[in-house]
Amino acid sequence: MYKVLIADDEVWIGFGIKKLIHKSGQPFTVIGEAPNGIRAYEMVKKEQPDLLITDIRMPGLNGLELMRKLRAEENPVSVVFISGYAEFEYAREAISLGAFDYLLKPIEEESLTAILSRFREEKERNVPRSMESVALNPEVSDPRIRKIIQEIDQNYTGKLSLGELADSMNLSIGHLSTLIRRETGLSFSEYVTAKRMEDAKKLLCQENLSVEEVAEQVGYHDYFYFTKAFKKYAGVSPSVYRKGQ
């Protein structure tokens, strides 16, 4: 499930976006709504959303200032800007800064759904199909990262936050991400995915467990998303994998 934070000083716009995200039926959950840029910055730091949907013009920090601040800290959150036609040039500048996309007001269901779908596709496309040899038995030389890897290995089926792990080691999120990739060859999310999928492979060999139960046990609460992610990782669906064992 991907976490979304909405930032807009117009409450009704945030409410509308939240409703459309829920209506899309995709594995996204809105974890909060911020009324201004400063609050949005604080919530991104604390909640570590996967996607930030923010208005370009807000009090405190505008959308562009917010994105520059997050990028300066190497925060990996993907950003989608909301703008009116009058701010279209700002939206173009946002794309040049590395924004994932932008939405024009009034926000159309089709446009938002297309962005959510593309976000999922890009995330899933970046999951390696065979990672266990590198990811699950890394020769970790850095004691700090060894401790982080142990934490992930013990809690990978739960809600792990890269931000919380970084705070526990007194590191920035960007620096921790770099260290994890250097030591394992994978990003934080790729490593967690590998752990979950290898666990799923073992559980699928147990005939008494349904695929839905396997998905739940490895930390996926959306059966259809688990099935798609497993096929991306293993090359076949969970049911086909089970039949081949």
C-alpha atoms as a PDB file:
ATOM      1  CA  MET A   1       0.000   0.000   0.000  1.00  0.00           C
ATOM      2  CA  TYR A   2       1.458   3.360  -1.051  1.00  0.00           C
ATOM      3  CA  LYS A   3       1.114   6.266   1.377  1.00  0.00           C
ATOM      4  CA  VAL A   4      -0.142   9.622   0.085  1.00  0.00           C
ATOM      5  CA  LEU A   5       0.012  13.018   1.765  1.00  0.00           C
ATOM      6  CA  ILE A   6      -2.166  15.839   0.422  1.00  0.00           C
ATOM      7  CA  ALA A   7      -1.161  19.476   0.959  1.00  0.00           C
ATOM      8  CA  ASP A   8      -3.625  22.225   0.044  1.00  0.00           C
ATOM      9  CA  ASP A   9      -4.933  25.251   1.915  1.00  0.00           C
ATOM     10  CA  GLU A  10      -8.360  24.727   0.344  1.00  0.00           C
ATOM     11  CA  VAL A  11      -9.918  21.934   2.398  1.00  0.00           C
ATOM     12  CA  TRP A  12     -12.508  20.998  -0.212  1.00  0.00           C
ATOM     13  CA  ILE A  13      -9.799  20.301  -2.816  1.00  0.00           C
ATOM     14  CA  GLY A  14      -7.991  17.954  -0.443  1.00  0.00           C
ATOM     15  CA  PHE A  15     -11.254  16.223   0.364  1.00  0.00           C
ATOM     16  CA  GLY A  16     -12.009  15.780  -3.339  1.00  0.00           C
ATOM     17  CA  ILE A  17      -8.581  14.276  -4.066  1.00  0.00           C
ATOM     18  CA  LYS A  18      -8.893  11.898  -1.138  1.00  0.00           C
ATOM     19  CA  LYS A  19     -12.274  10.752  -2.407  1.00  0.00           C
ATOM     20  CA  LEU A  20     -10.925  10.184  -5.941  1.00  0.00           C
ATOM     21  CA  ILE A  21      -7.944   8.211  -4.649  1.00  0.00           C
ATOM     22  CA  HIS A  22     -10.275   5.929  -2.698  1.00  0.00           C
ATOM     23  CA  LYS A  23     -12.577   5.609  -5.697  1.00  0.00           C
ATOM     24  CA  SER A  24      -9.676   4.560  -7.948  1.00  0.00           C
ATOM     25  CA  GLY A  25      -9.458   1.210  -6.140  1.00  0.00           C
ATOM     26  CA  GLN A  26      -5.673   1.284  -6.350  1.00  0.00           C
ATOM     27  CA  PRO A  27      -3.354   0.472  -3.405  1.00  0.00           C
ATOM     28  CA  PHE A  28      -3.000   4.035  -2.139  1.00  0.00           C
ATOM     29  CA  THR A  29      -4.009   5.325   1.269  1.00  0.00           C
ATOM     30  CA  VAL A  30      -4.168   8.978   2.305  1.00  0.00           C
ATOM     31  CA  ILE A  31      -2.248   9.247   5.570  1.00  0.00           C
ATOM     32  CA  GLY A  32      -2.874  12.939   6.165  1.00  0.00           C
ATOM     33  CA  GLU A  33      -3.783  16.379   4.851  1.00  0.00           C
ATOM     34  CA  ALA A  34      -1.710  19.514   5.434  1.00  0.00           C
ATOM     35  CA  PRO A  35      -3.222  23.036   5.277  1.00  0.00           C
ATOM     36  CA  ASN A  36       0.055  24.787   4.404  1.00  0.00           C
ATOM     37  CA  GLY A  37       3.605  24.183   3.203  1.00  0.00           C
ATOM     38  CA  ILE A  38       5.244  24.259   6.625  1.00  0.00           C
ATOM     39  CA  ARG A  39       2.872  21.646   8.009  1.00  0.00           C
ATOM     40  CA  ALA A  40       3.341  19.565   4.852  1.00  0.00           C
ATOM     41  CA  TYR A  41       7.105  19.635   5.352  1.00  0.00           C
ATOM     42  CA  GLU A  42       6.738  18.475   8.965  1.00  0.00           C
ATOM     43  CA  MET A  43       4.357  15.682   7.996  1.00  0.00           C
ATOM     44  CA  VAL A  44       6.579  14.433   5.170  1.00  0.00           C
ATOM     45  CA  LYS A  45       9.485  14.220   7.598  1.00  0.00           C
ATOM     46  CA  LYS A  46       7.408  12.353  10.174  1.00  0.00           C
ATOM     47  CA  GLU A  47       5.161  10.115   8.065  1.00  0.00           C
ATOM     48  CA  GLN A  48       7.487   9.387   5.106  1.00  0.00           C
ATOM     49  CA  PRO A  49       4.788   9.173   2.410  1.00  0.00           C
ATOM     50  CA  ASP A  50       5.540   7.628  -0.967  1.00  0.00           C
ATOM     51  CA  LEU A  51       3.654  10.380  -2.789  1.00  0.00           C
ATOM     52  CA  LEU A  52       3.053  14.046  -1.960  1.00  0.00           C
ATOM     53  CA  ILE A  53       0.223  15.786  -3.822  1.00  0.00           C
ATOM     54  CA  THR A  54       0.614  19.498  -3.156  1.00  0.00           C
ATOM     55  CA  ASP A  55      -0.766  22.789  -4.381  1.00  0.00           C
ATOM     56  CA  ILE A  56       1.841  25.076  -5.901  1.00  0.00           C
ATOM     57  CA  ARG A  57       0.529  28.146  -4.064  1.00  0.00           C
ATOM     58  CA  MET A  58       0.212  27.740  -0.297  1.00  0.00           C
ATOM     59  CA  PRO A  59       0.931  29.850   2.773  1.00  0.00           C
ATOM     60  CA  GLY A  60       4.122  29.287   4.732  1.00  0.00           C
ATOM     61  CA  LEU A  61       6.046  27.470   2.016  1.00  0.00           C
ATOM     62  CA  ASN A  62       4.740  27.332  -1.528  1.00  0.00           C
ATOM     63  CA  GLY A  63       4.936  24.041  -3.402  1.00  0.00           C
ATOM     64  CA  LEU A  64       8.202  24.798  -5.183  1.00  0.00           C
ATOM     65  CA  GLU A  65       9.890  25.949  -1.972  1.00  0.00           C
ATOM     66  CA  LEU A  66       8.638  22.819  -0.237  1.00  0.00           C
ATOM     67  CA  MET A  67      10.055  20.574  -2.958  1.00  0.00           C
ATOM     68  CA  ARG A  68      13.428  22.372  -2.991  1.00  0.00           C
ATOM     69  CA  LYS A  69      13.659  21.966   0.786  1.00  0.00           C
ATOM     70  CA  LEU A  70      12.868  18.246   0.617  1.00  0.00           C
ATOM     71  CA  ARG A  71      15.288  17.644  -2.247  1.00  0.00           C
ATOM     72  CA  ALA A  72      18.058  19.516  -0.410  1.00  0.00           C
ATOM     73  CA  GLU A  73      17.619  16.950   2.358  1.00  0.00           C
ATOM     74  CA  GLU A  74      17.568  14.110  -0.192  1.00  0.00           C
ATOM     75  CA  ASN A  75      14.031  13.130   0.800  1.00  0.00           C
ATOM     76  CA  PRO A  76      12.868  10.514  -1.749  1.00  0.00           C
ATOM     77  CA  VAL A  77       9.139  11.364  -1.734  1.00  0.00           C
ATOM     78  CA  SER A  78       7.625  11.694  -5.228  1.00  0.00           C
ATOM     79  CA  VAL A  79       5.806  14.988  -5.770  1.00  0.00           C
ATOM     80  CA  VAL A  80       2.724  15.762  -7.842  1.00  0.00           C
ATOM     81  CA  PHE A  81       1.804  19.436  -8.085  1.00  0.00           C
ATOM     82  CA  ILE A  82      -1.658  20.946  -8.328  1.00  0.00           C
ATOM     83  CA  SER A  83      -1.873  24.182 -10.296  1.00  0.00           C
ATOM     84  CA  GLY A  84      -4.338  26.394 -12.086  1.00  0.00           C
ATOM     85  CA  TYR A  85      -3.834  27.542 -15.660  1.00  0.00           C
ATOM     86  CA  ALA A  86      -2.477  30.837 -14.318  1.00  0.00           C
ATOM     87  CA  GLU A  87       0.348  28.945 -12.599  1.00  0.00           C
ATOM     88  CA  PHE A  88       1.156  26.660 -15.520  1.00  0.00           C
ATOM     89  CA  GLU A  89       4.699  28.046 -15.819  1.00  0.00           C
ATOM     90  CA  TYR A  90       5.245  27.116 -12.180  1.00  0.00           C
ATOM     91  CA  ALA A  91       4.147  23.585 -12.991  1.00  0.00           C
ATOM     92  CA  ARG A  92       6.668  23.410 -15.811  1.00  0.00           C
ATOM     93  CA  GLU A  93       9.378  24.601 -13.444  1.00  0.00           C
ATOM     94  CA  ALA A  94       8.295  21.923 -10.969  1.00  0.00           C
ATOM     95  CA  ILE A  95       8.814  19.235 -13.607  1.00  0.00           C
ATOM     96  CA  SER A  96      12.283  20.601 -14.308  1.00  0.00           C
ATOM     97  CA  LEU A  97      13.044  20.240 -10.568  1.00  0.00           C
ATOM     98  CA  GLY A  98      12.116  16.564 -10.733  1.00  0.00           C
ATOM     99  CA  ALA A  99       8.419  16.530  -9.849  1.00  0.00           C
ATOM    100  CA  PHE A 100       6.688  13.289 -10.807  1.00  0.00           C
ATOM    101  CA  ASP A 101       3.802  15.077 -12.560  1.00  0.00           C
ATOM    102  CA  TYR A 102       1.237  17.833 -12.145  1.00  0.00           C
ATOM    103  CA  LEU A 103      -2.546  18.185 -12.097  1.00  0.00           C
ATOM    104  CA  LEU A 104      -4.494  21.141 -13.431  1.00  0.00           C
ATOM    105  CA  LYS A 105      -7.529  22.487 -11.601  1.00  0.00           C
ATOM    106  CA  PRO A 106     -10.292  21.441 -11.636  1.00  0.00           C
ATOM    107  CA  ILE A 107      -8.858  18.007 -10.966  1.00  0.00           C
ATOM    108  CA  GLU A 108     -10.298  15.315 -13.201  1.00  0.00           C
ATOM    109  CA  GLU A 109     -10.693  11.741 -12.034  1.00  0.00           C
ATOM    110  CA  GLU A 110      -9.147  10.345 -15.227  1.00  0.00           C
ATOM    111  CA  SER A 111      -6.002  12.480 -14.880  1.00  0.00           C
ATOM    112  CA  LEU A 112      -5.442  11.574 -11.231  1.00  0.00           C
ATOM    113  CA  THR A 113      -6.060   7.866 -11.854  1.00  0.00           C
ATOM    114  CA  ALA A 114      -3.580   7.899 -14.742  1.00  0.00           C
ATOM    115  CA  ILE A 115      -0.894   9.434 -12.508  1.00  0.00           C
ATOM    116  CA  LEU A 116      -1.522   6.875  -9.758  1.00  0.00           C
ATOM    117  CA  SER A 117      -1.298   4.036 -12.274  1.00  0.00           C
ATOM    118  CA  ARG A 118       1.943   5.337 -13.754  1.00  0.00           C
ATOM    119  CA  PHE A 119       3.406   5.785 -10.264  1.00  0.00           C
ATOM    120  CA  ARG A 120       2.640   2.144  -9.438  1.00  0.00           C
ATOM    121  CA  GLU A 121       4.027   0.894 -12.733  1.00  0.00           C
ATOM    122  CA  GLU A 122       7.296   2.750 -12.270  1.00  0.00           C
ATOM    123  CA  LYS A 123       7.678   1.521  -8.696  1.00  0.00           C
ATOM    124  CA  GLU A 124       6.963  -2.068  -9.654  1.00  0.00           C
ATOM    125  CA  ARG A 125       9.173  -1.895 -12.740  1.00  0.00           C
ATOM    126  CA  ASN A 126      12.121  -1.078 -10.488  1.00  0.00           C
ATOM    127  CA  VAL A 127      11.762  -4.247  -8.397  1.00  0.00           C
ATOM    128  CA  PRO A 128      14.477  -6.723  -9.499  1.00  0.00           C
ATOM    129  CA  ARG A 129      13.163 -10.164 -10.427  1.00  0.00           C
ATOM    130  CA  SER A 130      15.941 -12.128  -8.724  1.00  0.00           C
ATOM    131  CA  MET A 131      17.495 -10.384  -5.769  1.00  0.00           C
ATOM    132  CA  GLU A 132      17.967 -13.050  -3.134  1.00  0.00           C
ATOM    133  CA  SER A 133      21.638 -13.810  -3.790  1.00  0.00           C
ATOM    134  CA  VAL A 134      22.607 -10.183  -3.240  1.00  0.00           C
ATOM    135  CA  ALA A 135      19.901  -8.909  -0.952  1.00  0.00           C
ATOM    136  CA  LEU A 136      19.309 -11.631   1.586  1.00  0.00           C
ATOM    137  CA  ASN A 137      22.890 -12.522   2.476  1.00  0.00           C
ATOM    138  CA  PRO A 138      24.796  -9.268   2.168  1.00  0.00           C
ATOM    139  CA  GLU A 139      28.371  -9.014   3.388  1.00  0.00           C
ATOM    140  CA  VAL A 140      27.879  -5.824   5.362  1.00  0.00           C
ATOM    141  CA  SER A 141      31.060  -4.093   6.456  1.00  0.00           C
ATOM    142  CA  ASP A 142      29.489  -0.994   8.014  1.00  0.00           C
ATOM    143  CA  PRO A 143      28.312  -1.838  11.581  1.00  0.00           C
ATOM    144  CA  ARG A 144      25.598   0.811  11.408  1.00  0.00           C
ATOM    145  CA  ILE A 145      24.088  -0.742   8.307  1.00  0.00           C
ATOM    146  CA  ARG A 146      24.502  -4.233   9.764  1.00  0.00           C
ATOM    147  CA  LYS A 147      22.253  -3.099  12.614  1.00  0.00           C
ATOM    148  CA  ILE A 148      19.727  -1.626  10.146  1.00  0.00           C
ATOM    149  CA  ILE A 149      19.705  -4.847   8.098  1.00  0.00           C
ATOM    150  CA  GLN A 150      19.066  -6.848  11.260  1.00  0.00           C
ATOM    151  CA  GLU A 151      16.155  -4.530  12.101  1.00  0.00           C
ATOM    152  CA  ILE A 152      14.683  -5.015   8.626  1.00  0.00           C
ATOM    153  CA  ASP A 153      15.182  -8.793   8.763  1.00  0.00           C
ATOM    154  CA  GLN A 154      13.236  -8.951  12.022  1.00  0.00           C
ATOM    155  CA  ASN A 155      10.400  -6.581  11.076  1.00  0.00           C
ATOM    156  CA  TYR A 156      10.037  -6.662   7.282  1.00  0.00           C
ATOM    157  CA  THR A 157       6.417  -7.836   7.370  1.00  0.00           C
ATOM    158  CA  GLY A 158       5.348  -4.789   9.377  1.00  0.00           C
ATOM    159  CA  LYS A 159       5.339  -1.047   8.754  1.00  0.00           C
ATOM    160  CA  LEU A 160       8.989  -0.169   8.392  1.00  0.00           C
ATOM    161  CA  SER A 161       9.850   3.485   7.951  1.00  0.00           C
ATOM    162  CA  LEU A 162      13.132   4.502   6.358  1.00  0.00           C
ATOM    163  CA  GLY A 163      12.772   7.829   8.138  1.00  0.00           C
ATOM    164  CA  GLU A 164      12.517   6.212  11.570  1.00  0.00           C
ATOM    165  CA  LEU A 165      15.475   3.947  10.841  1.00  0.00           C
ATOM    166  CA  ALA A 166      17.500   6.969   9.723  1.00  0.00           C
ATOM    167  CA  ASP A 167      16.559   8.876  12.890  1.00  0.00           C
ATOM    168  CA  SER A 168      17.585   5.923  15.061  1.00  0.00           C
ATOM    169  CA  MET A 169      21.075   6.045  13.515  1.00  0.00           C
ATOM    170  CA  ASN A 170      21.236   9.861  13.456  1.00  0.00           C
ATOM    171  CA  LEU A 171      21.550   9.814   9.654  1.00  0.00           C
ATOM    172  CA  SER A 172      19.680  11.637   6.908  1.00  0.00           C
ATOM    173  CA  ILE A 173      17.285   9.544   4.834  1.00  0.00           C
ATOM    174  CA  GLY A 174      19.322  10.163   1.714  1.00  0.00           C
ATOM    175  CA  HIS A 175      22.589   9.112   3.353  1.00  0.00           C
ATOM    176  CA  LEU A 176      21.051   5.963   4.818  1.00  0.00           C
ATOM    177  CA  SER A 177      19.568   5.071   1.419  1.00  0.00           C
ATOM    178  CA  THR A 178      23.009   5.430  -0.157  1.00  0.00           C
ATOM    179  CA  LEU A 179      24.647   3.249   2.508  1.00  0.00           C
ATOM    180  CA  ILE A 180      22.014   0.499   2.200  1.00  0.00           C
ATOM    181  CA  ARG A 181      22.408   0.377  -1.580  1.00  0.00           C
ATOM    182  CA  ARG A 182      26.203   0.385  -1.297  1.00  0.00           C
ATOM    183  CA  GLU A 183      26.216  -2.528   1.153  1.00  0.00           C
ATOM    184  CA  THR A 184      23.421  -4.667  -0.357  1.00  0.00           C
ATOM    185  CA  GLY A 185      23.249  -3.560  -3.985  1.00  0.00           C
ATOM    186  CA  LEU A 186      19.585  -2.693  -3.439  1.00  0.00           C
ATOM    187  CA  SER A 187      17.483   0.194  -2.237  1.00  0.00           C
ATOM    188  CA  PHE A 188      15.633  -0.017   1.082  1.00  0.00           C
ATOM    189  CA  SER A 189      12.296  -0.830  -0.606  1.00  0.00           C
ATOM    190  CA  GLU A 190      13.921  -3.426  -2.888  1.00  0.00           C
ATOM    191  CA  TYR A 191      15.487  -5.185   0.082  1.00  0.00           C
ATOM    192  CA  VAL A 192      12.181  -5.282   1.980  1.00  0.00           C
ATOM    193  CA  THR A 193      10.413  -6.578  -1.140  1.00  0.00           C
ATOM    194  CA  ALA A 194      13.010  -9.329  -1.575  1.00  0.00           C
ATOM    195  CA  LYS A 195      12.567 -10.452   2.026  1.00  0.00           C
ATOM    196  CA  ARG A 196       8.790 -10.546   1.681  1.00  0.00           C
ATOM    197  CA  MET A 197       8.818 -12.382  -1.637  1.00  0.00           C
ATOM    198  CA  GLU A 198      11.311 -15.026  -0.551  1.00  0.00           C
ATOM    199  CA  ASP A 199       9.182 -15.597   2.546  1.00  0.00           C
ATOM    200  CA  ALA A 200       6.113 -15.838   0.316  1.00  0.00           C
ATOM    201  CA  LYS A 201       7.809 -18.504  -1.828  1.00  0.00           C
ATOM    202  CA  LYS A 202       8.349 -20.663   1.248  1.00  0.00           C
ATOM    203  CA  LEU A 203       4.786 -20.151   2.505  1.00  0.00           C
ATOM    204  CA  LEU A 204       3.310 -21.000  -0.896  1.00  0.00           C
ATOM    205  CA  CYS A 205       4.798 -24.468  -0.516  1.00  0.00           C
ATOM    206  CA  GLN A 206       2.416 -25.028   2.408  1.00  0.00           C
ATOM    207  CA  GLU A 207      -0.817 -26.341   0.942  1.00  0.00           C
ATOM    208  CA  ASN A 208      -2.854 -25.414   4.022  1.00  0.00           C
ATOM    209  CA  LEU A 209      -2.385 -21.675   3.372  1.00  0.00           C
ATOM    210  CA  SER A 210      -4.403 -19.798   0.759  1.00  0.00           C
ATOM    211  CA  VAL A 211      -2.676 -17.191  -1.405  1.00  0.00           C
ATOM    212  CA  GLU A 212      -4.608 -14.513   0.489  1.00  0.00           C
ATOM    213  CA  GLU A 213      -3.237 -15.828   3.798  1.00  0.00           C
ATOM    214  CA  VAL A 214       0.286 -15.893   2.393  1.00  0.00           C
ATOM    215  CA  ALA A 215      -0.088 -12.276   1.277  1.00  0.00           C
ATOM    216  CA  GLU A 216      -1.228 -11.227   4.754  1.00  0.00           C
ATOM    217  CA  GLN A 217       1.604 -13.085   6.488  1.00  0.00           C
ATOM    218  CA  VAL A 218       4.288 -11.333   4.440  1.00  0.00           C
ATOM    219  CA  GLY A 219       2.817  -7.876   4.974  1.00  0.00           C
ATOM    220  CA  TYR A 220       0.493  -7.304   1.996  1.00  0.00           C
ATOM    221  CA  HIS A 221      -3.110  -6.437   2.801  1.00  0.00           C
ATOM    222  CA  ASP A 222      -4.126  -6.033  -0.839  1.00  0.00           C
ATOM    223  CA  TYR A 223      -4.350  -9.479  -2.459  1.00  0.00           C
ATOM    224  CA  PHE A 224      -4.348  -8.185  -6.028  1.00  0.00           C
ATOM    225  CA  TYR A 225      -1.353  -5.943  -5.430  1.00  0.00           C
ATOM    226  CA  PHE A 226       0.533  -8.844  -3.823  1.00  0.00           C
ATOM    227  CA  THR A 227      -0.224 -11.062  -6.822  1.00  0.00           C
ATOM    228  CA  LYS A 228       1.051  -8.454  -9.256  1.00  0.00           C
ATOM    229  CA  ALA A 229       4.161  -7.709  -7.187  1.00  0.00           C
ATOM    230  CA  PHE A 230       4.943 -11.430  -6.804  1.00  0.00           C
ATOM    231  CA  LYS A 231       4.658 -12.000 -10.549  1.00  0.00           C
ATOM    232  CA  LYS A 232       6.952  -9.033 -11.145  1.00  0.00           C
ATOM    233  CA  TYR A 233       9.481 -10.522  -8.754  1.00  0.00           C
ATOM    234  CA  ALA A 234       9.260 -14.252  -9.533  1.00  0.00           C
ATOM    235  CA  GLY A 235       8.129 -14.162 -13.167  1.00  0.00           C
ATOM    236  CA  VAL A 236       4.958 -16.154 -12.459  1.00  0.00           C
ATOM    237  CA  SER A 237       1.826 -15.652 -10.373  1.00  0.00           C
ATOM    238  CA  PRO A 238       1.659 -17.099  -6.827  1.00  0.00           C
ATOM    239  CA  SER A 239      -0.770 -19.840  -7.910  1.00  0.00           C
ATOM    240  CA  VAL A 240       1.439 -20.893 -10.831  1.00  0.00           C
ATOM    241  CA  TYR A 241       4.509 -20.846  -8.589  1.00  0.00           C
ATOM    242  CA  ARG A 242       2.700 -23.083  -6.094  1.00  0.00           C
ATOM    243  CA  LYS A 243       1.752 -25.610  -8.775  1.00  0.00           C
ATOM    244  CA  GLY A 244       5.366 -25.824  -9.893  1.00  0.00           C
ATOM    245  CA  GLN A 245       6.650 -26.783  -6.443  1.00  0.00           C
END
